[in-house]
N, C-alpha and C. Protein backbone atom coordinates (compact mmCIF):
# COMPACT_ATOMS: atom_id res chain seq x y z
N MET A 1 -43.35 -10.33 34.55
CA MET A 1 -44.44 -9.65 33.85
C MET A 1 -45.56 -10.71 33.60
N PRO A 2 -46.79 -10.33 33.99
CA PRO A 2 -47.91 -11.26 33.69
C PRO A 2 -48.01 -11.53 32.19
N GLU A 3 -48.53 -12.66 31.86
CA GLU A 3 -48.74 -12.94 30.44
C GLU A 3 -50.17 -13.44 30.18
N LEU A 4 -50.59 -13.26 28.97
CA LEU A 4 -51.90 -13.68 28.57
C LEU A 4 -51.75 -14.92 27.72
N LYS A 5 -52.47 -16.01 28.05
CA LYS A 5 -52.38 -17.25 27.32
C LYS A 5 -53.80 -17.52 26.77
N LEU A 6 -53.87 -17.59 25.45
CA LEU A 6 -55.16 -17.86 24.81
C LEU A 6 -55.11 -19.29 24.23
N LYS A 7 -56.15 -20.02 24.46
CA LYS A 7 -56.23 -21.37 23.96
C LYS A 7 -57.58 -21.53 23.22
N LEU A 8 -57.48 -21.52 21.91
CA LEU A 8 -58.68 -21.55 21.06
C LEU A 8 -59.00 -23.05 20.80
N GLN A 9 -60.22 -23.48 21.19
CA GLN A 9 -60.64 -24.82 20.93
C GLN A 9 -62.06 -24.72 20.32
N LEU A 10 -62.29 -25.47 19.23
CA LEU A 10 -63.57 -25.56 18.62
C LEU A 10 -64.16 -26.91 19.00
N LEU A 11 -65.35 -26.89 19.57
CA LEU A 11 -65.97 -28.12 20.10
C LEU A 11 -67.06 -28.60 19.17
N CYS A 12 -67.21 -29.90 19.17
CA CYS A 12 -68.21 -30.66 18.44
C CYS A 12 -68.83 -31.52 19.57
N ALA A 13 -69.93 -31.05 20.17
CA ALA A 13 -70.49 -31.63 21.35
C ALA A 13 -69.35 -31.66 22.46
N ASP A 14 -68.97 -32.81 22.97
CA ASP A 14 -67.92 -32.80 23.98
C ASP A 14 -66.54 -33.08 23.39
N ALA A 15 -66.43 -33.23 22.07
CA ALA A 15 -65.12 -33.52 21.48
C ALA A 15 -64.51 -32.22 20.98
N ILE A 16 -63.20 -32.14 21.13
CA ILE A 16 -62.44 -31.01 20.58
C ILE A 16 -62.19 -31.29 19.11
N ALA A 17 -62.91 -30.54 18.25
CA ALA A 17 -62.75 -30.71 16.80
C ALA A 17 -61.48 -30.08 16.31
N MET A 18 -61.05 -29.00 16.93
CA MET A 18 -59.78 -28.35 16.56
C MET A 18 -59.25 -27.55 17.77
N GLY A 19 -57.96 -27.60 17.93
CA GLY A 19 -57.33 -26.89 19.01
C GLY A 19 -55.86 -26.76 18.63
N PRO A 20 -55.06 -26.20 19.54
CA PRO A 20 -53.63 -26.01 19.20
C PRO A 20 -52.88 -27.31 18.93
N GLY A 21 -53.17 -28.36 19.67
CA GLY A 21 -52.44 -29.64 19.46
C GLY A 21 -52.83 -30.27 18.13
N LYS A 22 -54.11 -30.22 17.80
CA LYS A 22 -54.56 -30.81 16.53
C LYS A 22 -54.03 -29.97 15.36
N ALA A 23 -54.00 -28.69 15.49
CA ALA A 23 -53.44 -27.82 14.46
C ALA A 23 -51.96 -28.20 14.23
N ALA A 24 -51.23 -28.33 15.33
CA ALA A 24 -49.80 -28.69 15.19
C ALA A 24 -49.65 -30.06 14.52
N LEU A 25 -50.52 -30.96 14.83
CA LEU A 25 -50.46 -32.30 14.19
C LEU A 25 -50.75 -32.16 12.67
N LEU A 26 -51.75 -31.38 12.32
CA LEU A 26 -51.99 -31.17 10.89
C LEU A 26 -50.78 -30.52 10.18
N ASP A 27 -50.18 -29.55 10.83
CA ASP A 27 -48.99 -28.93 10.26
C ASP A 27 -47.90 -29.98 9.97
N GLN A 28 -47.73 -30.88 10.95
CA GLN A 28 -46.66 -31.94 10.81
C GLN A 28 -47.05 -32.96 9.79
N ILE A 29 -48.32 -33.29 9.69
CA ILE A 29 -48.78 -34.25 8.63
C ILE A 29 -48.46 -33.61 7.27
N THR A 30 -48.73 -32.36 7.15
CA THR A 30 -48.37 -31.63 5.90
C THR A 30 -46.84 -31.70 5.64
N ALA A 31 -46.05 -31.44 6.65
CA ALA A 31 -44.61 -31.39 6.49
C ALA A 31 -43.99 -32.74 6.25
N THR A 32 -44.53 -33.80 6.90
CA THR A 32 -43.88 -35.10 6.80
C THR A 32 -44.54 -36.05 5.82
N GLY A 33 -45.81 -35.79 5.50
CA GLY A 33 -46.55 -36.69 4.62
C GLY A 33 -47.02 -37.93 5.23
N SER A 34 -46.93 -37.99 6.58
CA SER A 34 -47.46 -39.20 7.23
C SER A 34 -47.88 -38.90 8.67
N ILE A 35 -48.79 -39.69 9.16
CA ILE A 35 -49.23 -39.55 10.57
C ILE A 35 -48.12 -39.99 11.50
N ALA A 36 -47.44 -41.08 11.11
CA ALA A 36 -46.33 -41.61 11.96
C ALA A 36 -45.24 -40.55 12.05
N GLY A 37 -44.84 -39.97 10.91
CA GLY A 37 -43.83 -38.94 10.94
C GLY A 37 -44.25 -37.72 11.73
N ALA A 38 -45.49 -37.34 11.63
CA ALA A 38 -45.99 -36.20 12.44
C ALA A 38 -45.92 -36.51 13.90
N ALA A 39 -46.37 -37.73 14.25
CA ALA A 39 -46.32 -38.12 15.64
C ALA A 39 -44.87 -38.06 16.21
N ARG A 40 -43.96 -38.58 15.43
CA ARG A 40 -42.53 -38.54 15.86
C ARG A 40 -42.06 -37.11 16.10
N GLN A 41 -42.38 -36.21 15.17
CA GLN A 41 -41.96 -34.80 15.29
C GLN A 41 -42.52 -34.19 16.51
N LEU A 42 -43.73 -34.56 16.93
CA LEU A 42 -44.37 -33.97 18.07
C LEU A 42 -44.14 -34.70 19.36
N GLY A 43 -43.42 -35.80 19.29
CA GLY A 43 -43.12 -36.58 20.48
C GLY A 43 -44.35 -37.29 21.07
N MET A 44 -45.25 -37.71 20.19
CA MET A 44 -46.41 -38.46 20.68
C MET A 44 -46.43 -39.80 20.01
N SER A 45 -47.21 -40.72 20.54
CA SER A 45 -47.30 -42.03 20.01
C SER A 45 -48.12 -42.03 18.68
N TYR A 46 -47.79 -42.99 17.83
CA TYR A 46 -48.58 -43.15 16.58
C TYR A 46 -50.03 -43.32 16.90
N ARG A 47 -50.35 -44.14 17.90
CA ARG A 47 -51.72 -44.39 18.30
C ARG A 47 -52.47 -43.12 18.69
N ARG A 48 -51.79 -42.24 19.50
CA ARG A 48 -52.39 -41.01 19.94
C ARG A 48 -52.66 -40.09 18.72
N ALA A 49 -51.73 -40.01 17.81
CA ALA A 49 -51.90 -39.20 16.62
C ALA A 49 -53.10 -39.72 15.80
N TRP A 50 -53.24 -41.02 15.64
CA TRP A 50 -54.35 -41.57 14.92
C TRP A 50 -55.69 -41.25 15.63
N GLN A 51 -55.67 -41.30 16.98
CA GLN A 51 -56.88 -40.95 17.69
C GLN A 51 -57.29 -39.53 17.43
N LEU A 52 -56.34 -38.61 17.44
CA LEU A 52 -56.64 -37.20 17.19
C LEU A 52 -57.16 -36.97 15.75
N VAL A 53 -56.54 -37.70 14.78
CA VAL A 53 -57.04 -37.61 13.42
C VAL A 53 -58.44 -38.15 13.32
N ASP A 54 -58.68 -39.26 13.98
CA ASP A 54 -59.99 -39.87 13.94
C ASP A 54 -61.08 -38.92 14.51
N VAL A 55 -60.76 -38.24 15.60
CA VAL A 55 -61.75 -37.29 16.18
C VAL A 55 -62.00 -36.19 15.21
N MET A 56 -60.95 -35.65 14.60
CA MET A 56 -61.13 -34.57 13.62
C MET A 56 -62.01 -35.03 12.43
N ASN A 57 -61.69 -36.19 11.94
CA ASN A 57 -62.40 -36.69 10.79
C ASN A 57 -63.90 -37.01 11.14
N ARG A 58 -64.22 -37.27 12.37
CA ARG A 58 -65.59 -37.51 12.76
C ARG A 58 -66.33 -36.22 13.09
N CYS A 59 -65.64 -35.17 13.41
CA CYS A 59 -66.26 -33.89 13.83
C CYS A 59 -66.64 -32.95 12.70
N TRP A 60 -65.91 -32.99 11.62
CA TRP A 60 -66.11 -32.04 10.55
C TRP A 60 -67.07 -32.60 9.47
N ASN A 61 -67.50 -31.77 8.57
CA ASN A 61 -68.45 -32.20 7.55
C ASN A 61 -67.81 -33.06 6.44
N GLY A 62 -66.58 -33.39 6.62
CA GLY A 62 -65.85 -34.25 5.69
C GLY A 62 -64.53 -34.65 6.38
N ARG A 63 -63.80 -35.50 5.69
CA ARG A 63 -62.52 -35.92 6.25
C ARG A 63 -61.52 -34.72 6.25
N ILE A 64 -60.75 -34.61 7.27
CA ILE A 64 -59.70 -33.60 7.40
C ILE A 64 -58.37 -34.13 6.89
N VAL A 65 -58.12 -35.42 7.22
CA VAL A 65 -56.88 -36.09 6.81
C VAL A 65 -57.32 -37.38 6.08
N GLU A 66 -56.64 -37.64 4.95
CA GLU A 66 -56.87 -38.90 4.25
C GLU A 66 -55.51 -39.65 4.11
N THR A 67 -55.64 -40.98 4.17
CA THR A 67 -54.46 -41.73 3.98
C THR A 67 -54.23 -41.92 2.48
N VAL A 68 -52.95 -42.07 2.17
CA VAL A 68 -52.55 -42.11 0.76
C VAL A 68 -52.04 -43.56 0.48
N PRO A 69 -52.80 -44.38 -0.28
CA PRO A 69 -52.33 -45.72 -0.56
C PRO A 69 -51.21 -45.69 -1.59
N GLY A 70 -50.43 -46.80 -1.62
CA GLY A 70 -49.46 -46.94 -2.72
C GLY A 70 -48.05 -46.65 -2.29
N ARG A 71 -47.84 -45.96 -1.18
CA ARG A 71 -46.47 -45.76 -0.74
C ARG A 71 -46.04 -46.95 0.11
N ALA A 72 -44.78 -47.22 0.13
CA ALA A 72 -44.30 -48.40 0.81
C ALA A 72 -44.79 -48.46 2.29
N SER A 73 -44.69 -47.39 3.01
CA SER A 73 -45.11 -47.36 4.38
C SER A 73 -46.42 -46.59 4.56
N GLY A 74 -47.05 -46.27 3.49
CA GLY A 74 -48.27 -45.50 3.62
C GLY A 74 -48.01 -44.03 3.75
N GLY A 75 -49.01 -43.23 3.76
CA GLY A 75 -48.79 -41.83 3.95
C GLY A 75 -50.10 -41.17 4.27
N ALA A 76 -50.08 -39.89 4.48
CA ALA A 76 -51.31 -39.13 4.76
C ALA A 76 -51.14 -37.69 4.26
N ARG A 77 -52.29 -37.09 4.03
CA ARG A 77 -52.27 -35.67 3.63
C ARG A 77 -53.57 -35.04 4.09
N LEU A 78 -53.55 -33.73 4.15
CA LEU A 78 -54.73 -33.00 4.41
C LEU A 78 -55.65 -32.99 3.23
N THR A 79 -56.92 -33.07 3.39
CA THR A 79 -57.87 -32.93 2.34
C THR A 79 -58.00 -31.45 2.05
N GLU A 80 -58.74 -31.12 1.02
CA GLU A 80 -59.04 -29.70 0.75
C GLU A 80 -59.78 -29.06 1.93
N LEU A 81 -60.71 -29.83 2.52
CA LEU A 81 -61.39 -29.33 3.74
C LEU A 81 -60.40 -29.19 4.88
N GLY A 82 -59.53 -30.11 5.05
CA GLY A 82 -58.53 -30.04 6.12
C GLY A 82 -57.62 -28.79 5.99
N THR A 83 -57.21 -28.52 4.76
CA THR A 83 -56.41 -27.36 4.48
C THR A 83 -57.18 -26.07 4.83
N ALA A 84 -58.43 -26.04 4.44
CA ALA A 84 -59.30 -24.86 4.68
C ALA A 84 -59.55 -24.69 6.19
N VAL A 85 -59.84 -25.77 6.88
CA VAL A 85 -60.12 -25.72 8.28
C VAL A 85 -58.85 -25.18 9.04
N LEU A 86 -57.73 -25.72 8.72
CA LEU A 86 -56.50 -25.32 9.37
C LEU A 86 -56.18 -23.81 9.08
N ALA A 87 -56.34 -23.40 7.89
CA ALA A 87 -56.10 -21.98 7.51
C ALA A 87 -57.05 -21.08 8.30
N ARG A 88 -58.33 -21.46 8.30
CA ARG A 88 -59.32 -20.58 9.06
C ARG A 88 -59.11 -20.62 10.55
N TYR A 89 -58.68 -21.79 11.06
CA TYR A 89 -58.36 -21.84 12.51
C TYR A 89 -57.18 -20.92 12.80
N ARG A 90 -56.12 -20.98 12.02
CA ARG A 90 -54.96 -20.10 12.23
C ARG A 90 -55.32 -18.65 12.12
N ALA A 91 -56.21 -18.28 11.16
CA ALA A 91 -56.63 -16.92 11.02
C ALA A 91 -57.46 -16.43 12.19
N LEU A 92 -58.31 -17.27 12.67
CA LEU A 92 -59.15 -16.94 13.81
C LEU A 92 -58.31 -16.76 15.07
N HIS A 93 -57.34 -17.62 15.23
CA HIS A 93 -56.42 -17.53 16.39
C HIS A 93 -55.67 -16.21 16.35
N ALA A 94 -55.16 -15.86 15.19
CA ALA A 94 -54.39 -14.60 15.01
C ALA A 94 -55.30 -13.43 15.31
N SER A 95 -56.54 -13.47 14.84
CA SER A 95 -57.50 -12.41 15.05
C SER A 95 -57.76 -12.25 16.56
N ILE A 96 -57.96 -13.36 17.28
CA ILE A 96 -58.24 -13.29 18.70
C ILE A 96 -57.02 -12.73 19.47
N GLU A 97 -55.82 -13.09 19.09
CA GLU A 97 -54.62 -12.57 19.73
C GLU A 97 -54.53 -11.06 19.50
N THR A 98 -54.83 -10.62 18.32
CA THR A 98 -54.76 -9.19 17.97
C THR A 98 -55.84 -8.44 18.84
N CYS A 99 -57.01 -8.98 18.85
CA CYS A 99 -58.11 -8.40 19.65
C CYS A 99 -57.73 -8.32 21.13
N ALA A 100 -57.18 -9.40 21.62
CA ALA A 100 -56.84 -9.40 23.11
C ALA A 100 -55.74 -8.35 23.35
N ALA A 101 -54.80 -8.18 22.46
CA ALA A 101 -53.72 -7.24 22.64
C ALA A 101 -54.28 -5.81 22.62
N ASP A 102 -55.33 -5.57 21.84
CA ASP A 102 -55.89 -4.25 21.73
C ASP A 102 -57.03 -3.98 22.71
N SER A 103 -57.39 -4.92 23.53
CA SER A 103 -58.61 -4.77 24.35
C SER A 103 -58.32 -4.40 25.81
N GLY A 104 -57.19 -3.85 26.05
CA GLY A 104 -56.95 -3.42 27.41
C GLY A 104 -56.19 -4.42 28.27
N TRP A 105 -55.61 -5.43 27.60
CA TRP A 105 -54.85 -6.44 28.34
C TRP A 105 -53.74 -5.82 29.15
N GLN A 106 -53.06 -4.81 28.63
CA GLN A 106 -51.96 -4.23 29.30
C GLN A 106 -52.41 -3.53 30.62
N GLU A 107 -53.56 -2.93 30.57
CA GLU A 107 -54.15 -2.33 31.82
C GLU A 107 -54.51 -3.41 32.82
N LEU A 108 -55.07 -4.51 32.35
CA LEU A 108 -55.37 -5.59 33.24
C LEU A 108 -54.12 -6.23 33.81
N ALA A 109 -53.13 -6.33 33.03
CA ALA A 109 -51.80 -6.96 33.45
C ALA A 109 -51.19 -6.13 34.57
N LEU A 110 -51.41 -4.78 34.54
CA LEU A 110 -50.85 -3.97 35.62
C LEU A 110 -51.56 -4.20 36.97
N MET A 111 -52.72 -4.77 36.93
CA MET A 111 -53.43 -5.11 38.18
C MET A 111 -53.06 -6.45 38.77
N LEU A 112 -52.30 -7.26 38.02
CA LEU A 112 -51.90 -8.58 38.48
C LEU A 112 -50.58 -8.48 39.26
N ARG A 113 -50.42 -9.37 40.26
CA ARG A 113 -49.18 -9.52 40.94
C ARG A 113 -48.21 -10.23 40.06
N GLU A 114 -46.90 -10.11 40.39
CA GLU A 114 -45.89 -10.87 39.66
C GLU A 114 -46.01 -12.35 39.95
N GLU A 115 -46.33 -12.66 41.25
CA GLU A 115 -46.53 -14.07 41.70
C GLU A 115 -47.66 -14.04 42.73
N PRO A 116 -48.40 -15.14 42.87
CA PRO A 116 -49.45 -15.18 43.90
C PRO A 116 -48.82 -15.13 45.29
N LEU A 117 -49.62 -14.64 46.19
CA LEU A 117 -49.22 -14.59 47.59
C LEU A 117 -49.20 -16.04 48.14
N GLU A 118 -48.45 -16.23 49.20
CA GLU A 118 -48.44 -17.50 49.85
C GLU A 118 -49.82 -17.82 50.42
N SER A 119 -50.19 -19.04 50.36
CA SER A 119 -51.45 -19.49 50.89
C SER A 119 -51.49 -19.24 52.41
N GLN A 120 -52.59 -18.67 52.89
CA GLN A 120 -52.73 -18.37 54.29
C GLN A 120 -53.69 -19.37 54.94
N PRO A 121 -53.46 -19.75 56.17
CA PRO A 121 -54.40 -20.64 56.87
C PRO A 121 -55.71 -19.90 56.99
N HIS A 122 -56.79 -20.67 56.94
CA HIS A 122 -58.09 -20.15 57.06
C HIS A 122 -58.27 -19.39 58.38
N SER A 123 -58.71 -18.15 58.30
CA SER A 123 -58.77 -17.34 59.58
C SER A 123 -60.15 -17.31 60.13
N GLY A 124 -61.10 -17.95 59.52
CA GLY A 124 -62.49 -17.97 60.07
C GLY A 124 -62.56 -18.73 61.34
N SER A 125 -63.71 -18.78 61.92
CA SER A 125 -63.91 -19.54 63.16
C SER A 125 -63.71 -21.05 62.86
N SER A 126 -63.08 -21.65 63.77
CA SER A 126 -62.87 -23.11 63.58
C SER A 126 -63.98 -23.87 64.32
N GLN A 127 -64.59 -24.66 63.61
CA GLN A 127 -65.68 -25.53 64.25
C GLN A 127 -65.32 -26.94 63.95
N SER A 128 -65.45 -27.77 64.97
CA SER A 128 -65.20 -29.15 64.67
C SER A 128 -66.55 -29.85 64.64
N ILE A 129 -66.58 -30.76 63.72
CA ILE A 129 -67.82 -31.53 63.50
C ILE A 129 -67.50 -32.96 63.81
N GLU A 130 -68.28 -33.55 64.68
CA GLU A 130 -68.05 -34.98 65.00
C GLU A 130 -69.13 -35.76 64.25
N ILE A 131 -68.62 -36.85 63.71
CA ILE A 131 -69.50 -37.79 62.99
C ILE A 131 -69.60 -39.02 63.81
N ALA A 132 -70.80 -39.37 64.21
CA ALA A 132 -71.00 -40.54 65.06
C ALA A 132 -71.24 -41.76 64.19
């Protein structure tokens, strides 16, 4: 059965300010209390997680994630803005999924093949071009 895959990304110029991966990272920062712990849970490097946090912090009108001093190994948490952005992103994503489900996706899915046809050799006229 064909499936519909929606990928919601919010852009700030050429940077992805929020998308599914960044939302998952924020969820894990909330759950673990640290960027390193979130990275481990998601199977990504600590450096990559920091890069994603840095992009988010530079794209929004305030910090999304703040580090928490005073813990032995440090920690991190979402700011009030970060919590609001994540909640609104999740709500927007749910709204889009609901809209897509109600917008005739099933009729469109009936027009799709189960799998693509095998690639066919080009049947047009063959012309050879010589480069001198």
